[in-house]
Amino acid sequence: MDSSAGISPASLDQYSKNTGDAVTMKTMKMAMDVQANAAAQLIESVPSPAQSGNKGVHVDVKV
């Protein structure tokens, strides 16, 4: 006996689309999490600038 006889093709198409959308969203979220972690590691790896006296405090903007 065919158990899918009562299910319309349009219903199956919509179910497949919803499942595909969910997989796409999950994949995109995982990729964004990986990128966020990589960006955080990159920012953490940058050394903080050394403060020595008044170096870099005053900027000459004369043209």
PDB file of N, CA and C in Angstrom:
ATOM      1  N   MET A   1       0.835  -1.183   0.000  1.00  0.00           N
ATOM      2  CA  MET A   1       0.000   0.000   0.000  1.00  0.00           C
ATOM      3  C   MET A   1       0.880   1.247   0.000  1.00  0.00           C
ATOM      4  N   ASP A   2       0.522   2.233  -0.805  1.00  0.00           N
ATOM      5  CA  ASP A   2       1.282   3.466  -0.920  1.00  0.00           C
ATOM      6  C   ASP A   2       0.850   4.418   0.196  1.00  0.00           C
ATOM      7  N   SER A   3       1.757   4.693   1.122  1.00  0.00           N
ATOM      8  CA  SER A   3       1.408   5.529   2.269  1.00  0.00           C
ATOM      9  C   SER A   3       1.403   7.010   1.923  1.00  0.00           C
ATOM     10  N   SER A   4       1.997   7.405   0.814  1.00  0.00           N
ATOM     11  CA  SER A   4       2.033   8.814   0.440  1.00  0.00           C
ATOM     12  C   SER A   4       0.897   9.197  -0.498  1.00  0.00           C
ATOM     13  N   ALA A   5      -0.064   8.316  -0.680  1.00  0.00           N
ATOM     14  CA  ALA A   5      -1.158   8.592  -1.604  1.00  0.00           C
ATOM     15  C   ALA A   5      -1.981   9.797  -1.164  1.00  0.00           C
ATOM     16  N   GLY A   6      -2.090  10.062   0.132  1.00  0.00           N
ATOM     17  CA  GLY A   6      -2.886  11.174   0.622  1.00  0.00           C
ATOM     18  C   GLY A   6      -2.118  12.478   0.702  1.00  0.00           C
ATOM     19  N   ILE A   7      -0.823  12.467   0.403  1.00  0.00           N
ATOM     20  CA  ILE A   7      -0.014  13.670   0.491  1.00  0.00           C
ATOM     21  C   ILE A   7       0.161  14.253  -0.903  1.00  0.00           C
ATOM     22  N   SER A   8      -0.178  15.510  -1.047  1.00  0.00           N
ATOM     23  CA  SER A   8      -0.088  16.132  -2.365  1.00  0.00           C
ATOM     24  C   SER A   8       1.359  16.478  -2.692  1.00  0.00           C
ATOM     25  N   PRO A   9       1.699  16.503  -3.959  1.00  0.00           N
ATOM     26  CA  PRO A   9       3.056  16.897  -4.363  1.00  0.00           C
ATOM     27  C   PRO A   9       3.419  18.305  -3.880  1.00  0.00           C
ATOM     28  N   ALA A  10       2.455  19.203  -3.828  1.00  0.00           N
ATOM     29  CA  ALA A  10       2.726  20.564  -3.363  1.00  0.00           C
ATOM     30  C   ALA A  10       3.134  20.554  -1.891  1.00  0.00           C
ATOM     31  N   SER A  11       2.505  19.690  -1.096  1.00  0.00           N
ATOM     32  CA  SER A  11       2.865  19.583   0.323  1.00  0.00           C
ATOM     33  C   SER A  11       4.280  19.060   0.480  1.00  0.00           C
ATOM     34  N   LEU A  12       4.626  18.069  -0.336  1.00  0.00           N
ATOM     35  CA  LEU A  12       5.979  17.522  -0.270  1.00  0.00           C
ATOM     36  C   LEU A  12       7.005  18.557  -0.704  1.00  0.00           C
ATOM     37  N   ASP A  13       6.676  19.331  -1.730  1.00  0.00           N
ATOM     38  CA  ASP A  13       7.584  20.386  -2.190  1.00  0.00           C
ATOM     39  C   ASP A  13       7.799  21.437  -1.098  1.00  0.00           C
ATOM     40  N   GLN A  14       6.719  21.819  -0.422  1.00  0.00           N
ATOM     41  CA  GLN A  14       6.823  22.823   0.649  1.00  0.00           C
ATOM     42  C   GLN A  14       7.648  22.277   1.808  1.00  0.00           C
ATOM     43  N   TYR A  15       7.450  21.005   2.151  1.00  0.00           N
ATOM     44  CA  TYR A  15       8.225  20.380   3.230  1.00  0.00           C
ATOM     45  C   TYR A  15       9.706  20.351   2.865  1.00  0.00           C
ATOM     46  N   SER A  16      10.004  19.990   1.622  1.00  0.00           N
ATOM     47  CA  SER A  16      11.399  19.957   1.175  1.00  0.00           C
ATOM     48  C   SER A  16      12.013  21.346   1.201  1.00  0.00           C
ATOM     49  N   LYS A  17      11.246  22.345   0.796  1.00  0.00           N
ATOM     50  CA  LYS A  17      11.742  23.726   0.802  1.00  0.00           C
ATOM     51  C   LYS A  17      12.024  24.168   2.238  1.00  0.00           C
ATOM     52  N   ASN A  18      11.108  23.891   3.158  1.00  0.00           N
ATOM     53  CA  ASN A  18      11.300  24.286   4.561  1.00  0.00           C
ATOM     54  C   ASN A  18      12.524  23.589   5.158  1.00  0.00           C
ATOM     55  N   THR A  19      12.699  22.327   4.847  1.00  0.00           N
ATOM     56  CA  THR A  19      13.855  21.581   5.351  1.00  0.00           C
ATOM     57  C   THR A  19      15.139  22.161   4.770  1.00  0.00           C
ATOM     58  N   GLY A  20      15.129  22.439   3.482  1.00  0.00           N
ATOM     59  CA  GLY A  20      16.299  23.038   2.835  1.00  0.00           C
ATOM     60  C   GLY A  20      16.630  24.396   3.414  1.00  0.00           C
ATOM     61  N   ASP A  21      15.597  25.206   3.685  1.00  0.00           N
ATOM     62  CA  ASP A  21      15.817  26.520   4.299  1.00  0.00           C
ATOM     63  C   ASP A  21      16.434  26.380   5.680  1.00  0.00           C
ATOM     64  N   ALA A  22      15.971  25.405   6.452  1.00  0.00           N
ATOM     65  CA  ALA A  22      16.504  25.195   7.802  1.00  0.00           C
ATOM     66  C   ALA A  22      17.974  24.785   7.744  1.00  0.00           C
ATOM     67  N   VAL A  23      18.312  23.920   6.804  1.00  0.00           N
ATOM     68  CA  VAL A  23      19.706  23.482   6.652  1.00  0.00           C
ATOM     69  C   VAL A  23      20.574  24.657   6.228  1.00  0.00           C
ATOM     70  N   THR A  24      20.076  25.466   5.309  1.00  0.00           N
ATOM     71  CA  THR A  24      20.816  26.645   4.851  1.00  0.00           C
ATOM     72  C   THR A  24      21.065  27.612   6.002  1.00  0.00           C
ATOM     73  N   MET A  25      20.052  27.872   6.797  1.00  0.00           N
ATOM     74  CA  MET A  25      20.197  28.790   7.922  1.00  0.00           C
ATOM     75  C   MET A  25      21.184  28.244   8.952  1.00  0.00           C
ATOM     76  N   LYS A  26      21.131  26.952   9.227  1.00  0.00           N
ATOM     77  CA  LYS A  26      22.049  26.343  10.194  1.00  0.00           C
ATOM     78  C   LYS A  26      23.490  26.443   9.680  1.00  0.00           C
ATOM     79  N   THR A  27      23.688  26.187   8.390  1.00  0.00           N
ATOM     80  CA  THR A  27      25.019  26.274   7.794  1.00  0.00           C
ATOM     81  C   THR A  27      25.543  27.704   7.843  1.00  0.00           C
ATOM     82  N   MET A  28      24.685  28.671   7.536  1.00  0.00           N
ATOM     83  CA  MET A  28      25.099  30.065   7.570  1.00  0.00           C
ATOM     84  C   MET A  28      25.454  30.494   8.990  1.00  0.00           C
ATOM     85  N   LYS A  29      24.676  30.044   9.980  1.00  0.00           N
ATOM     86  CA  LYS A  29      24.963  30.392  11.371  1.00  0.00           C
ATOM     87  C   LYS A  29      26.305  29.807  11.797  1.00  0.00           C
ATOM     88  N   MET A  30      26.571  28.581  11.401  1.00  0.00           N
ATOM     89  CA  MET A  30      27.852  27.960  11.750  1.00  0.00           C
ATOM     90  C   MET A  30      29.007  28.729  11.106  1.00  0.00           C
ATOM     91  N   ALA A  31      28.851  29.130   9.854  1.00  0.00           N
ATOM     92  CA  ALA A  31      29.904  29.880   9.165  1.00  0.00           C
ATOM     93  C   ALA A  31      30.131  31.236   9.833  1.00  0.00           C
ATOM     94  N   MET A  32      29.058  31.896  10.244  1.00  0.00           N
ATOM     95  CA  MET A  32      29.198  33.183  10.920  1.00  0.00           C
ATOM     96  C   MET A  32      29.873  33.019  12.283  1.00  0.00           C
ATOM     97  N   ASP A  33      29.578  31.935  12.986  1.00  0.00           N
ATOM     98  CA  ASP A  33      30.236  31.673  14.267  1.00  0.00           C
ATOM     99  C   ASP A  33      31.733  31.456  14.083  1.00  0.00           C
ATOM    100  N   VAL A  34      32.102  30.719  13.040  1.00  0.00           N
ATOM    101  CA  VAL A  34      33.519  30.484  12.756  1.00  0.00           C
ATOM    102  C   VAL A  34      34.211  31.807  12.442  1.00  0.00           C
ATOM    103  N   GLN A  35      33.566  32.647  11.621  1.00  0.00           N
ATOM    104  CA  GLN A  35      34.149  33.946  11.276  1.00  0.00           C
ATOM    105  C   GLN A  35      34.265  34.851  12.497  1.00  0.00           C
ATOM    106  N   ALA A  36      33.262  34.823  13.366  1.00  0.00           N
ATOM    107  CA  ALA A  36      33.310  35.651  14.574  1.00  0.00           C
ATOM    108  C   ALA A  36      34.456  35.214  15.477  1.00  0.00           C
ATOM    109  N   ASN A  37      34.647  33.911  15.617  1.00  0.00           N
ATOM    110  CA  ASN A  37      35.752  33.408  16.430  1.00  0.00           C
ATOM    111  C   ASN A  37      37.099  33.790  15.831  1.00  0.00           C
ATOM    112  N   ALA A  38      37.217  33.690  14.517  1.00  0.00           N
ATOM    113  CA  ALA A  38      38.475  34.049  13.854  1.00  0.00           C
ATOM    114  C   ALA A  38      38.754  35.544  14.018  1.00  0.00           C
ATOM    115  N   ALA A  39      37.725  36.372  13.895  1.00  0.00           N
ATOM    116  CA  ALA A  39      37.902  37.813  14.059  1.00  0.00           C
ATOM    117  C   ALA A  39      38.308  38.148  15.495  1.00  0.00           C
ATOM    118  N   ALA A  40      37.699  37.490  16.463  1.00  0.00           N
ATOM    119  CA  ALA A  40      38.044  37.735  17.865  1.00  0.00           C
ATOM    120  C   ALA A  40      39.491  37.341  18.146  1.00  0.00           C
ATOM    121  N   GLN A  41      39.928  36.223  17.593  1.00  0.00           N
ATOM    122  CA  GLN A  41      41.317  35.796  17.776  1.00  0.00           C
ATOM    123  C   GLN A  41      42.281  36.776  17.121  1.00  0.00           C
ATOM    124  N   LEU A  42      41.923  37.280  15.954  1.00  0.00           N
ATOM    125  CA  LEU A  42      42.771  38.244  15.256  1.00  0.00           C
ATOM    126  C   LEU A  42      42.900  39.539  16.061  1.00  0.00           C
ATOM    127  N   ILE A  43      41.792  40.007  16.593  1.00  0.00           N
ATOM    128  CA  ILE A  43      41.816  41.235  17.391  1.00  0.00           C
ATOM    129  C   ILE A  43      42.643  41.031  18.654  1.00  0.00           C
ATOM    130  N   GLU A  44      42.495  39.873  19.288  1.00  0.00           N
ATOM    131  CA  GLU A  44      43.257  39.584  20.504  1.00  0.00           C
ATOM    132  C   GLU A  44      44.760  39.467  20.226  1.00  0.00           C
ATOM    133  N   SER A  45      45.116  39.067  19.007  1.00  0.00           N
ATOM    134  CA  SER A  45      46.528  38.867  18.690  1.00  0.00           C
ATOM    135  C   SER A  45      47.275  40.175  18.420  1.00  0.00           C
ATOM    136  N   VAL A  46      46.547  41.256  18.207  1.00  0.00           N
ATOM    137  CA  VAL A  46      47.184  42.548  17.941  1.00  0.00           C
ATOM    138  C   VAL A  46      47.696  43.120  19.257  1.00  0.00           C
ATOM    139  N   PRO A  47      48.977  43.434  19.315  1.00  0.00           N
ATOM    140  CA  PRO A  47      49.502  43.985  20.567  1.00  0.00           C
ATOM    141  C   PRO A  47      48.988  45.403  20.804  1.00  0.00           C
ATOM    142  N   SER A  48      48.826  45.737  22.069  1.00  0.00           N
ATOM    143  CA  SER A  48      48.375  47.091  22.382  1.00  0.00           C
ATOM    144  C   SER A  48      49.548  48.053  22.195  1.00  0.00           C
ATOM    145  N   PRO A  49      49.268  49.257  21.737  1.00  0.00           N
ATOM    146  CA  PRO A  49      50.359  50.205  21.500  1.00  0.00           C
ATOM    147  C   PRO A  49      51.011  50.622  22.819  1.00  0.00           C
ATOM    148  N   ALA A  50      52.317  50.774  22.781  1.00  0.00           N
ATOM    149  CA  ALA A  50      53.065  51.195  23.965  1.00  0.00           C
ATOM    150  C   ALA A  50      52.947  52.709  24.118  1.00  0.00           C
ATOM    151  N   GLN A  51      52.657  53.150  25.309  1.00  0.00           N
ATOM    152  CA  GLN A  51      52.578  54.583  25.595  1.00  0.00           C
ATOM    153  C   GLN A  51      53.928  55.042  26.126  1.00  0.00           C
ATOM    154  N   SER A  52      54.582  55.944  25.408  1.00  0.00           N
ATOM    155  CA  SER A  52      55.866  56.455  25.869  1.00  0.00           C
ATOM    156  C   SER A  52      55.837  57.976  25.817  1.00  0.00           C
ATOM    157  N   GLY A  53      55.712  58.574  26.967  1.00  0.00           N
ATOM    158  CA  GLY A  53      55.710  60.033  27.045  1.00  0.00           C
ATOM    159  C   GLY A  53      54.558  60.648  26.307  1.00  0.00           C
ATOM    160  N   ASN A  54      54.849  61.634  25.477  1.00  0.00           N
ATOM    161  CA  ASN A  54      53.783  62.298  24.731  1.00  0.00           C
ATOM    162  C   ASN A  54      53.802  61.913  23.255  1.00  0.00           C
ATOM    163  N   LYS A  55      54.454  60.823  22.954  1.00  0.00           N
ATOM    164  CA  LYS A  55      54.530  60.354  21.571  1.00  0.00           C
ATOM    165  C   LYS A  55      53.123  59.947  21.091  1.00  0.00           C
ATOM    166  N   GLY A  56      52.695  60.571  20.000  1.00  0.00           N
ATOM    167  CA  GLY A  56      51.390  60.254  19.430  1.00  0.00           C
ATOM    168  C   GLY A  56      50.244  60.973  20.084  1.00  0.00           C
ATOM    169  N   VAL A  57      50.524  61.856  21.016  1.00  0.00           N
ATOM    170  CA  VAL A  57      49.460  62.578  21.711  1.00  0.00           C
ATOM    171  C   VAL A  57      49.029  63.800  20.897  1.00  0.00           C
ATOM    172  N   HIS A  58      49.981  64.510  20.332  1.00  0.00           N
ATOM    173  CA  HIS A  58      49.702  65.720  19.570  1.00  0.00           C
ATOM    174  C   HIS A  58      49.889  65.442  18.088  1.00  0.00           C
ATOM    175  N   VAL A  59      48.930  65.906  17.307  1.00  0.00           N
ATOM    176  CA  VAL A  59      48.994  65.701  15.866  1.00  0.00           C
ATOM    177  C   VAL A  59      49.076  67.071  15.202  1.00  0.00           C
ATOM    178  N   ASP A  60      50.059  67.243  14.337  1.00  0.00           N
ATOM    179  CA  ASP A  60      50.240  68.502  13.607  1.00  0.00           C
ATOM    180  C   ASP A  60      49.347  68.450  12.367  1.00  0.00           C
ATOM    181  N   VAL A  61      48.346  69.314  12.342  1.00  0.00           N
ATOM    182  CA  VAL A  61      47.393  69.308  11.236  1.00  0.00           C
ATOM    183  C   VAL A  61      47.556  70.502  10.317  1.00  0.00           C
ATOM    184  N   LYS A  62      48.686  71.202  10.401  1.00  0.00           N
ATOM    185  CA  LYS A  62      48.936  72.352   9.542  1.00  0.00           C
ATOM    186  C   LYS A  62      49.145  71.874   8.106  1.00  0.00           C
ATOM    187  N   VAL A  63      48.616  72.657   7.183  1.00  0.00           N
ATOM    188  CA  VAL A  63      48.741  72.295   5.766  1.00  0.00           C
ATOM    189  C   VAL A  63      49.817  73.103   5.118  1.00  0.00           C
TER     190      VAL A  63
END
